[in-house]
Amino acid sequence: MRLRAAAAALLALAAAPAPHPLDRIIADAHFDGVAIAGDAAEPSYVRATGNAAKGVRNSPHAVWRWASVTKQLTATIVMQEVEAGRLDLARPVSAYWPDWPQVFSDEVTIRDLLQHTSGLADPNEDGPDLPDGMPTFYRPPAARAATLGTMAYAATHYCAEHPRGKPGGGFHYDNCDYIVLGALLERMTGKPFAQLLQERIAAPLGLTLGLFEPGVAPAAHVRGIETGAQGEALGDLGTYGAAGAVYGTPLALYAFDRALLDHRLLGAAATATMWTGDPKLGAAALGQWQYSVTLAGCTAPVSVVERRGEVGGVAVRNFILPGTGHALVLFTRHGGFDFGEVWQRTGFAYSALSAIGCAT
């Protein structure tokens, strides 16, 4: 009996998957969330640690808010319009929206909006903040949220008023840039942005994606925790629009990354344009960042496309390595988690990328 038990234990050990380097990195960092990595249609690494709620384990199939990773999807739809010849990155918004009531409407270009050099007003500076620290822009009066919280309204009111400066004056991260892009896409196509999201990205890839709508109770999704153990200070998630209102599963985000790498949403030239960072703008590309860094164990620098998002306690990091074909998706509901900075070659995300990202 003892020999039989020992043999069974050896067989079980032999059948167990070999430990992945990411397992140790995740454990050492006390990362609590979902990590997905791979260089093919099916990810080679999928792990979920910790709880999504009391008694509910995290899952790669759970619905999470994607926060500002939404901008990556919006940029993709914009570049589809550029690829089709309906938009030109160098032309001003006024060429497509003649009555957009912004004082520099004939100078703010499509590229300015994509690359955050527009000089538009910044909703995150919309004071005075509410008692919980939420800028008032993101919490319109409930009775009128379905109107005041839309991209069409914000683009022609707050985002068109009191610019921070002239366009082209430098990089300033600003949700208004993508709210205006979302409103512009709606005007040009005659379709709500939620419909464009489905037709241009979700349906072609067989994904289930959603968009929080202003004034509507959000769909069930993983809720975050602010630094420490505080609950989230959330406004109306629908007010983020094309800048931050998408939700879906972590596996769906990995599938989106694969579609970009495989040019199933954009051609090679349009993708290269979208993924070219400008060193003078802190490596800002179009809807994401792009830079080169030498990962630990690699013999040469690797091109990294990075998109990050955070709303409330939910934080997301999305990495694409065009040269090696790898993608790394990270979701956590602990807003205080320190991902580190890949471009500085330090921290959790750098170690995680180094474990998967060297060309073989």
Protein backbone atom coordinates (compact mmCIF):
# COMPACT_ATOMS: atom_id res chain seq x y z
CA MET A 1 0.00 0.00 0.00
CA ARG A 2 2.83 2.34 0.86
CA LEU A 3 4.52 1.64 -2.46
CA ARG A 4 1.25 2.22 -4.29
CA ALA A 5 0.69 5.54 -2.48
CA ALA A 6 4.24 6.64 -3.22
CA ALA A 7 3.84 5.76 -6.89
CA ALA A 8 0.58 7.70 -7.08
CA ALA A 9 2.26 10.72 -5.49
CA LEU A 10 5.10 10.56 -8.02
CA LEU A 11 2.64 10.33 -10.91
CA ALA A 12 0.70 13.34 -9.60
CA LEU A 13 3.94 15.31 -9.26
CA ALA A 14 4.96 14.39 -12.80
CA ALA A 15 1.55 15.46 -14.16
CA ALA A 16 1.59 18.82 -12.38
CA PRO A 17 2.55 21.75 -14.61
CA ALA A 18 6.05 23.07 -14.12
CA PRO A 19 6.20 26.29 -12.10
CA HIS A 20 6.21 29.41 -14.28
CA PRO A 21 8.63 32.26 -13.44
CA LEU A 22 5.63 34.56 -13.12
CA ASP A 23 4.33 32.50 -10.22
CA ARG A 24 7.28 33.50 -8.06
CA ILE A 25 7.15 37.14 -9.17
CA ILE A 26 3.45 37.36 -8.34
CA ALA A 27 3.93 35.67 -4.97
CA ASP A 28 6.93 37.84 -4.01
CA ALA A 29 5.03 41.03 -4.89
CA HIS A 30 1.83 39.89 -3.12
CA PHE A 31 -0.02 40.72 -6.33
CA ASP A 32 -3.76 40.21 -5.89
CA GLY A 33 -5.70 40.04 -9.16
CA VAL A 34 -5.45 38.52 -12.64
CA ALA A 35 -2.34 38.04 -14.79
CA ILE A 36 -2.45 36.77 -18.39
CA ALA A 37 0.51 36.35 -20.73
CA GLY A 38 1.42 34.70 -24.00
CA ASP A 39 2.56 35.03 -27.60
CA ALA A 40 -0.25 33.13 -29.34
CA ALA A 41 -4.02 33.23 -29.69
CA GLU A 42 -4.40 31.19 -26.50
CA PRO A 43 -2.45 32.61 -23.56
CA SER A 44 0.27 30.41 -22.13
CA TYR A 45 -0.17 31.83 -18.63
CA VAL A 46 -3.42 32.64 -16.81
CA ARG A 47 -3.45 33.15 -13.05
CA ALA A 48 -5.98 34.66 -10.66
CA THR A 49 -5.11 35.31 -7.03
CA GLY A 50 -7.08 36.80 -4.16
CA ASN A 51 -10.75 37.71 -3.98
CA ALA A 52 -13.03 39.82 -6.17
CA ALA A 53 -15.38 40.22 -3.21
CA LYS A 54 -15.89 38.56 0.14
CA GLY A 55 -15.98 34.84 -0.52
CA VAL A 56 -15.62 35.28 -4.30
CA ARG A 57 -12.29 34.43 -5.90
CA ASN A 58 -10.80 36.53 -8.67
CA SER A 59 -11.26 35.09 -12.14
CA PRO A 60 -10.01 35.87 -15.66
CA HIS A 61 -13.62 35.41 -16.76
CA ALA A 62 -15.01 38.07 -14.40
CA VAL A 63 -16.07 41.47 -15.70
CA TRP A 64 -13.74 44.33 -14.76
CA ARG A 65 -13.79 47.98 -15.67
CA TRP A 66 -10.99 48.73 -18.13
CA ALA A 67 -10.67 52.38 -17.09
CA SER A 68 -8.29 54.30 -19.38
CA VAL A 69 -7.40 51.19 -21.37
CA THR A 70 -10.60 52.37 -23.09
CA LYS A 71 -8.41 54.98 -24.80
CA GLN A 72 -6.52 52.19 -26.54
CA LEU A 73 -9.77 50.95 -28.06
CA THR A 74 -10.85 54.48 -29.01
CA ALA A 75 -7.50 55.12 -30.69
CA THR A 76 -7.96 51.89 -32.66
CA ILE A 77 -11.36 53.01 -33.97
CA VAL A 78 -9.93 56.44 -34.84
CA MET A 79 -7.08 54.79 -36.73
CA GLN A 80 -9.60 52.65 -38.61
CA GLU A 81 -11.13 55.91 -39.82
CA VAL A 82 -7.66 57.21 -40.73
CA GLU A 83 -6.89 53.99 -42.59
CA ALA A 84 -10.16 54.34 -44.52
CA GLY A 85 -9.29 57.92 -45.51
CA ARG A 86 -12.14 59.50 -43.55
CA LEU A 87 -9.87 61.14 -40.97
CA ASP A 88 -6.46 62.77 -41.26
CA LEU A 89 -4.27 62.99 -38.17
CA ALA A 90 -2.88 66.37 -39.25
CA ARG A 91 -6.22 68.06 -39.91
CA PRO A 92 -8.04 70.11 -37.27
CA VAL A 93 -11.25 69.02 -35.57
CA SER A 94 -13.09 71.88 -37.33
CA ALA A 95 -12.51 70.13 -40.69
CA TYR A 96 -14.92 67.41 -39.53
CA TRP A 97 -16.94 69.32 -36.95
CA PRO A 98 -17.24 72.91 -38.22
CA ASP A 99 -19.41 74.15 -35.35
CA TRP A 100 -17.40 72.64 -32.49
CA PRO A 101 -17.43 75.64 -30.11
CA GLN A 102 -13.80 75.54 -28.97
CA VAL A 103 -11.73 78.66 -29.43
CA PHE A 104 -8.87 76.71 -31.08
CA SER A 105 -11.11 74.34 -33.06
CA ASP A 106 -9.26 75.16 -36.28
CA GLU A 107 -5.90 74.36 -34.65
CA VAL A 108 -6.54 71.30 -32.46
CA THR A 109 -5.70 68.33 -34.69
CA ILE A 110 -6.81 64.72 -34.46
CA ARG A 111 -3.24 63.83 -33.48
CA ASP A 112 -3.32 66.48 -30.72
CA LEU A 113 -6.33 64.75 -29.19
CA LEU A 114 -4.82 61.27 -29.53
CA GLN A 115 -1.47 62.36 -28.11
CA HIS A 116 -2.71 64.72 -25.36
CA THR A 117 -1.25 67.94 -26.79
CA SER A 118 -4.60 69.67 -27.37
CA GLY A 119 -4.53 72.16 -24.50
CA LEU A 120 -8.17 71.39 -23.66
CA ALA A 121 -9.65 71.85 -20.21
CA ASP A 122 -8.94 68.96 -17.82
CA PRO A 123 -11.91 67.37 -15.97
CA ASN A 124 -9.57 66.14 -13.24
CA GLU A 125 -8.94 69.78 -12.40
CA ASP A 126 -12.67 70.53 -12.22
CA GLY A 127 -12.97 71.91 -8.70
CA PRO A 128 -14.06 72.27 -6.14
CA ASP A 129 -13.88 68.54 -5.57
CA LEU A 130 -16.74 66.82 -3.82
CA PRO A 131 -16.14 65.82 -0.18
CA ASP A 132 -14.84 62.40 -1.23
CA GLY A 133 -12.31 63.96 -3.61
CA MET A 134 -14.23 63.23 -6.81
CA PRO A 135 -14.07 66.08 -9.37
CA THR A 136 -17.58 67.40 -9.99
CA PHE A 137 -17.30 66.66 -13.74
CA TYR A 138 -17.69 62.94 -13.03
CA ARG A 139 -20.79 63.27 -10.87
CA PRO A 140 -23.47 65.30 -12.69
CA PRO A 141 -26.86 65.71 -11.00
CA ALA A 142 -28.54 62.29 -11.09
CA ALA A 143 -31.77 63.65 -12.57
CA ARG A 144 -29.90 65.07 -15.58
CA ALA A 145 -26.93 62.70 -15.82
CA ALA A 146 -28.27 61.01 -18.97
CA THR A 147 -27.88 64.36 -20.74
CA LEU A 148 -25.15 66.26 -18.90
CA GLY A 149 -22.93 63.18 -18.67
CA THR A 150 -22.84 62.34 -22.38
CA MET A 151 -19.81 62.85 -24.58
CA ALA A 152 -21.84 65.07 -26.92
CA TYR A 153 -22.66 67.44 -24.06
CA ALA A 154 -19.22 67.40 -22.45
CA ALA A 155 -17.44 67.92 -25.77
CA THR A 156 -19.45 71.06 -26.54
CA HIS A 157 -19.49 72.45 -23.01
CA TYR A 158 -16.84 71.71 -20.39
CA CYS A 159 -14.28 70.30 -22.84
CA ALA A 160 -14.79 73.22 -25.22
CA GLU A 161 -14.51 75.90 -22.54
CA HIS A 162 -11.57 77.47 -20.71
CA PRO A 163 -8.67 75.72 -22.48
CA ARG A 164 -5.50 75.15 -20.49
CA GLY A 165 -3.46 76.56 -23.38
CA LYS A 166 -2.92 76.56 -27.11
CA PRO A 167 -2.69 73.20 -28.91
CA GLY A 168 0.79 71.80 -29.46
CA GLY A 169 2.09 73.40 -26.27
CA GLY A 170 3.15 70.12 -24.69
CA PHE A 171 1.83 66.87 -23.26
CA HIS A 172 -0.92 66.99 -20.63
CA TYR A 173 -2.90 63.85 -19.90
CA ASP A 174 -6.57 64.75 -20.24
CA ASN A 175 -9.80 62.74 -20.49
CA CYS A 176 -11.40 65.55 -22.52
CA ASP A 177 -9.18 64.62 -25.47
CA TYR A 178 -10.85 61.23 -25.80
CA ILE A 179 -14.31 62.45 -24.87
CA VAL A 180 -14.07 64.85 -27.83
CA LEU A 181 -12.78 62.02 -30.05
CA GLY A 182 -15.72 59.86 -28.98
CA ALA A 183 -18.20 62.64 -29.72
CA LEU A 184 -16.52 63.27 -33.09
CA LEU A 185 -16.76 59.58 -34.03
CA GLU A 186 -20.45 59.61 -33.12
CA ARG A 187 -21.07 62.65 -35.31
CA MET A 188 -19.11 61.31 -38.26
CA THR A 189 -20.63 57.82 -38.23
CA GLY A 190 -24.11 58.65 -36.93
CA LYS A 191 -23.73 55.81 -34.41
CA PRO A 192 -23.40 55.84 -30.62
CA PHE A 193 -19.89 55.05 -29.43
CA ALA A 194 -21.21 51.91 -27.69
CA GLN A 195 -22.40 50.64 -31.08
CA LEU A 196 -19.06 51.45 -32.71
CA LEU A 197 -17.32 49.52 -29.97
CA GLN A 198 -19.45 46.48 -30.74
CA GLU A 199 -19.23 46.71 -34.54
CA ARG A 200 -15.57 47.61 -34.86
CA ILE A 201 -13.96 45.57 -32.06
CA ALA A 202 -16.23 43.27 -30.04
CA ALA A 203 -18.20 41.54 -32.82
CA PRO A 204 -15.27 40.95 -35.23
CA LEU A 205 -13.30 39.33 -32.40
CA GLY A 206 -16.22 37.47 -30.83
CA LEU A 207 -15.84 39.39 -27.56
CA THR A 208 -18.34 40.61 -25.02
CA LEU A 209 -17.60 44.25 -24.16
CA GLY A 210 -19.75 46.91 -22.58
CA LEU A 211 -19.74 50.66 -22.05
CA PHE A 212 -20.96 52.28 -18.86
CA GLU A 213 -23.71 54.76 -19.73
CA PRO A 214 -24.21 58.06 -17.87
CA GLY A 215 -27.13 58.04 -15.48
CA VAL A 216 -27.47 54.24 -15.65
CA ALA A 217 -26.56 51.93 -12.77
CA PRO A 218 -23.37 50.13 -13.82
CA ALA A 219 -23.42 46.47 -14.75
CA ALA A 220 -22.12 43.99 -12.22
CA HIS A 221 -18.33 44.05 -12.22
CA VAL A 222 -15.35 43.68 -9.92
CA ARG A 223 -15.21 46.57 -7.45
CA GLY A 224 -11.93 48.05 -6.30
CA ILE A 225 -10.37 49.00 -3.00
CA GLU A 226 -8.59 52.31 -2.59
CA THR A 227 -5.20 52.53 -0.87
CA GLY A 228 -5.33 50.53 2.33
CA ALA A 229 -8.83 49.20 2.93
CA GLN A 230 -10.95 52.18 1.89
CA GLY A 231 -13.98 51.74 -0.34
CA GLU A 232 -13.97 53.42 -3.72
CA ALA A 233 -14.88 57.03 -4.37
CA LEU A 234 -16.73 56.57 -7.65
CA GLY A 235 -18.63 59.07 -9.71
CA ASP A 236 -20.85 58.23 -12.65
CA LEU A 237 -18.71 55.76 -14.61
CA GLY A 238 -20.62 56.63 -17.79
CA THR A 239 -19.18 60.16 -17.80
CA TYR A 240 -15.77 58.76 -18.79
CA GLY A 241 -17.14 57.77 -22.21
CA ALA A 242 -14.50 57.01 -24.83
CA ALA A 243 -11.82 57.96 -22.29
CA GLY A 244 -12.56 55.29 -19.68
CA ALA A 245 -16.02 53.65 -19.67
CA VAL A 246 -15.36 50.23 -21.26
CA TYR A 247 -15.77 47.05 -19.26
CA GLY A 248 -15.01 43.40 -20.07
CA THR A 249 -12.98 40.41 -18.93
CA PRO A 250 -9.18 40.26 -18.66
CA LEU A 251 -9.23 37.45 -21.24
CA ALA A 252 -11.05 39.78 -23.66
CA LEU A 253 -8.30 42.36 -23.26
CA TYR A 254 -5.68 39.71 -24.09
CA ALA A 255 -7.72 38.80 -27.19
CA PHE A 256 -7.79 42.48 -28.21
CA ASP A 257 -4.01 42.65 -27.86
CA ARG A 258 -3.62 39.56 -30.03
CA ALA A 259 -5.88 41.09 -32.69
CA LEU A 260 -3.68 44.19 -32.81
CA LEU A 261 -0.52 42.09 -33.05
CA ASP A 262 -2.07 39.98 -35.82
CA HIS A 263 -3.42 43.06 -37.69
CA ARG A 264 -7.01 41.86 -37.56
CA LEU A 265 -8.27 45.33 -36.56
CA LEU A 266 -5.72 47.58 -38.29
CA GLY A 267 -3.21 47.15 -41.08
CA ALA A 268 0.51 47.13 -40.39
CA ALA A 269 1.10 50.76 -41.37
CA ALA A 270 -1.75 52.15 -39.26
CA THR A 271 -0.69 50.01 -36.31
CA ALA A 272 2.91 51.22 -36.61
CA THR A 273 1.71 54.84 -36.62
CA MET A 274 -0.43 54.22 -33.54
CA TRP A 275 2.48 52.49 -31.79
CA THR A 276 5.18 55.11 -32.40
CA GLY A 277 6.02 56.98 -29.21
CA ASP A 278 7.43 60.51 -29.22
CA PRO A 279 10.41 60.90 -26.85
CA LYS A 280 9.70 64.64 -26.64
CA LEU A 281 6.26 63.82 -25.21
CA GLY A 282 7.39 61.27 -22.64
CA ALA A 283 7.09 58.39 -25.15
CA ALA A 284 3.40 59.14 -25.80
CA ALA A 285 2.10 57.33 -28.87
CA LEU A 286 -1.55 57.44 -29.98
CA GLY A 287 -3.73 56.19 -27.12
CA GLN A 288 -0.80 54.42 -25.48
CA TRP A 289 2.92 54.76 -24.81
CA GLN A 290 5.76 53.15 -26.76
CA TYR A 291 9.40 52.95 -25.73
CA SER A 292 12.34 50.55 -25.88
CA VAL A 293 13.87 48.96 -22.81
CA THR A 294 16.31 46.14 -22.15
CA LEU A 295 14.44 43.53 -20.13
CA ALA A 296 16.32 41.40 -17.63
CA GLY A 297 17.83 38.45 -19.49
CA CYS A 298 17.41 40.00 -22.94
CA THR A 299 20.43 40.72 -25.11
CA ALA A 300 18.92 43.75 -26.86
CA PRO A 301 16.28 46.42 -26.18
CA VAL A 302 12.68 45.39 -26.67
CA SER A 303 9.90 47.66 -27.96
CA VAL A 304 7.13 47.99 -25.36
CA VAL A 305 3.62 49.34 -25.99
CA GLU A 306 2.07 50.22 -22.64
CA ARG A 307 -1.43 51.27 -21.66
CA ARG A 308 -2.49 51.81 -18.08
CA GLY A 309 -5.80 52.56 -16.48
CA GLU A 310 -7.16 53.28 -13.03
CA VAL A 311 -10.58 54.31 -11.80
CA GLY A 312 -11.24 54.07 -8.09
CA GLY A 313 -9.47 51.03 -6.73
CA VAL A 314 -9.28 49.07 -9.99
CA ALA A 315 -5.91 49.34 -11.73
CA VAL A 316 -4.96 47.84 -15.10
CA ARG A 317 -1.68 47.45 -16.95
CA ASN A 318 -1.67 46.28 -20.57
CA PHE A 319 1.64 45.54 -22.29
CA ILE A 320 2.24 44.54 -25.91
CA LEU A 321 5.69 43.64 -27.26
CA PRO A 322 5.46 44.05 -31.06
CA GLY A 323 8.92 42.61 -31.72
CA THR A 324 8.38 39.33 -29.88
CA GLY A 325 4.61 38.98 -30.22
CA HIS A 326 4.02 38.80 -26.46
CA ALA A 327 1.25 40.42 -24.47
CA LEU A 328 0.89 40.81 -20.70
CA VAL A 329 -2.38 41.82 -19.04
CA LEU A 330 -2.58 42.70 -15.34
CA PHE A 331 -5.70 43.58 -13.33
CA THR A 332 -5.89 44.32 -9.61
CA ARG A 333 -8.63 45.70 -7.38
CA HIS A 334 -6.10 47.16 -4.96
CA GLY A 335 -5.52 50.71 -6.14
CA GLY A 336 -2.44 51.19 -4.01
CA PHE A 337 -0.51 48.35 -5.67
CA ASP A 338 2.91 49.47 -6.93
CA PHE A 339 3.52 48.20 -10.47
CA GLY A 340 6.82 50.05 -10.76
CA GLU A 341 7.97 51.63 -14.03
CA VAL A 342 9.08 49.37 -16.86
CA TRP A 343 10.90 52.16 -18.65
CA GLN A 344 12.99 52.66 -15.50
CA ARG A 345 13.75 48.92 -15.40
CA THR A 346 12.35 48.49 -11.94
CA GLY A 347 9.37 47.01 -10.13
CA PHE A 348 6.78 44.29 -10.51
CA ALA A 349 5.72 44.94 -14.11
CA TYR A 350 9.34 45.07 -15.28
CA SER A 351 10.06 41.73 -13.63
CA ALA A 352 6.88 40.23 -15.09
CA LEU A 353 7.73 41.39 -18.61
CA SER A 354 11.28 40.16 -18.24
CA ALA A 355 9.91 36.69 -17.42
CA ILE A 356 8.08 36.46 -20.75
CA GLY A 357 9.41 39.03 -23.16
CA CYS A 358 12.79 38.03 -24.56
CA ALA A 359 12.85 36.86 -28.17
CA THR A 360 13.67 33.18 -28.46
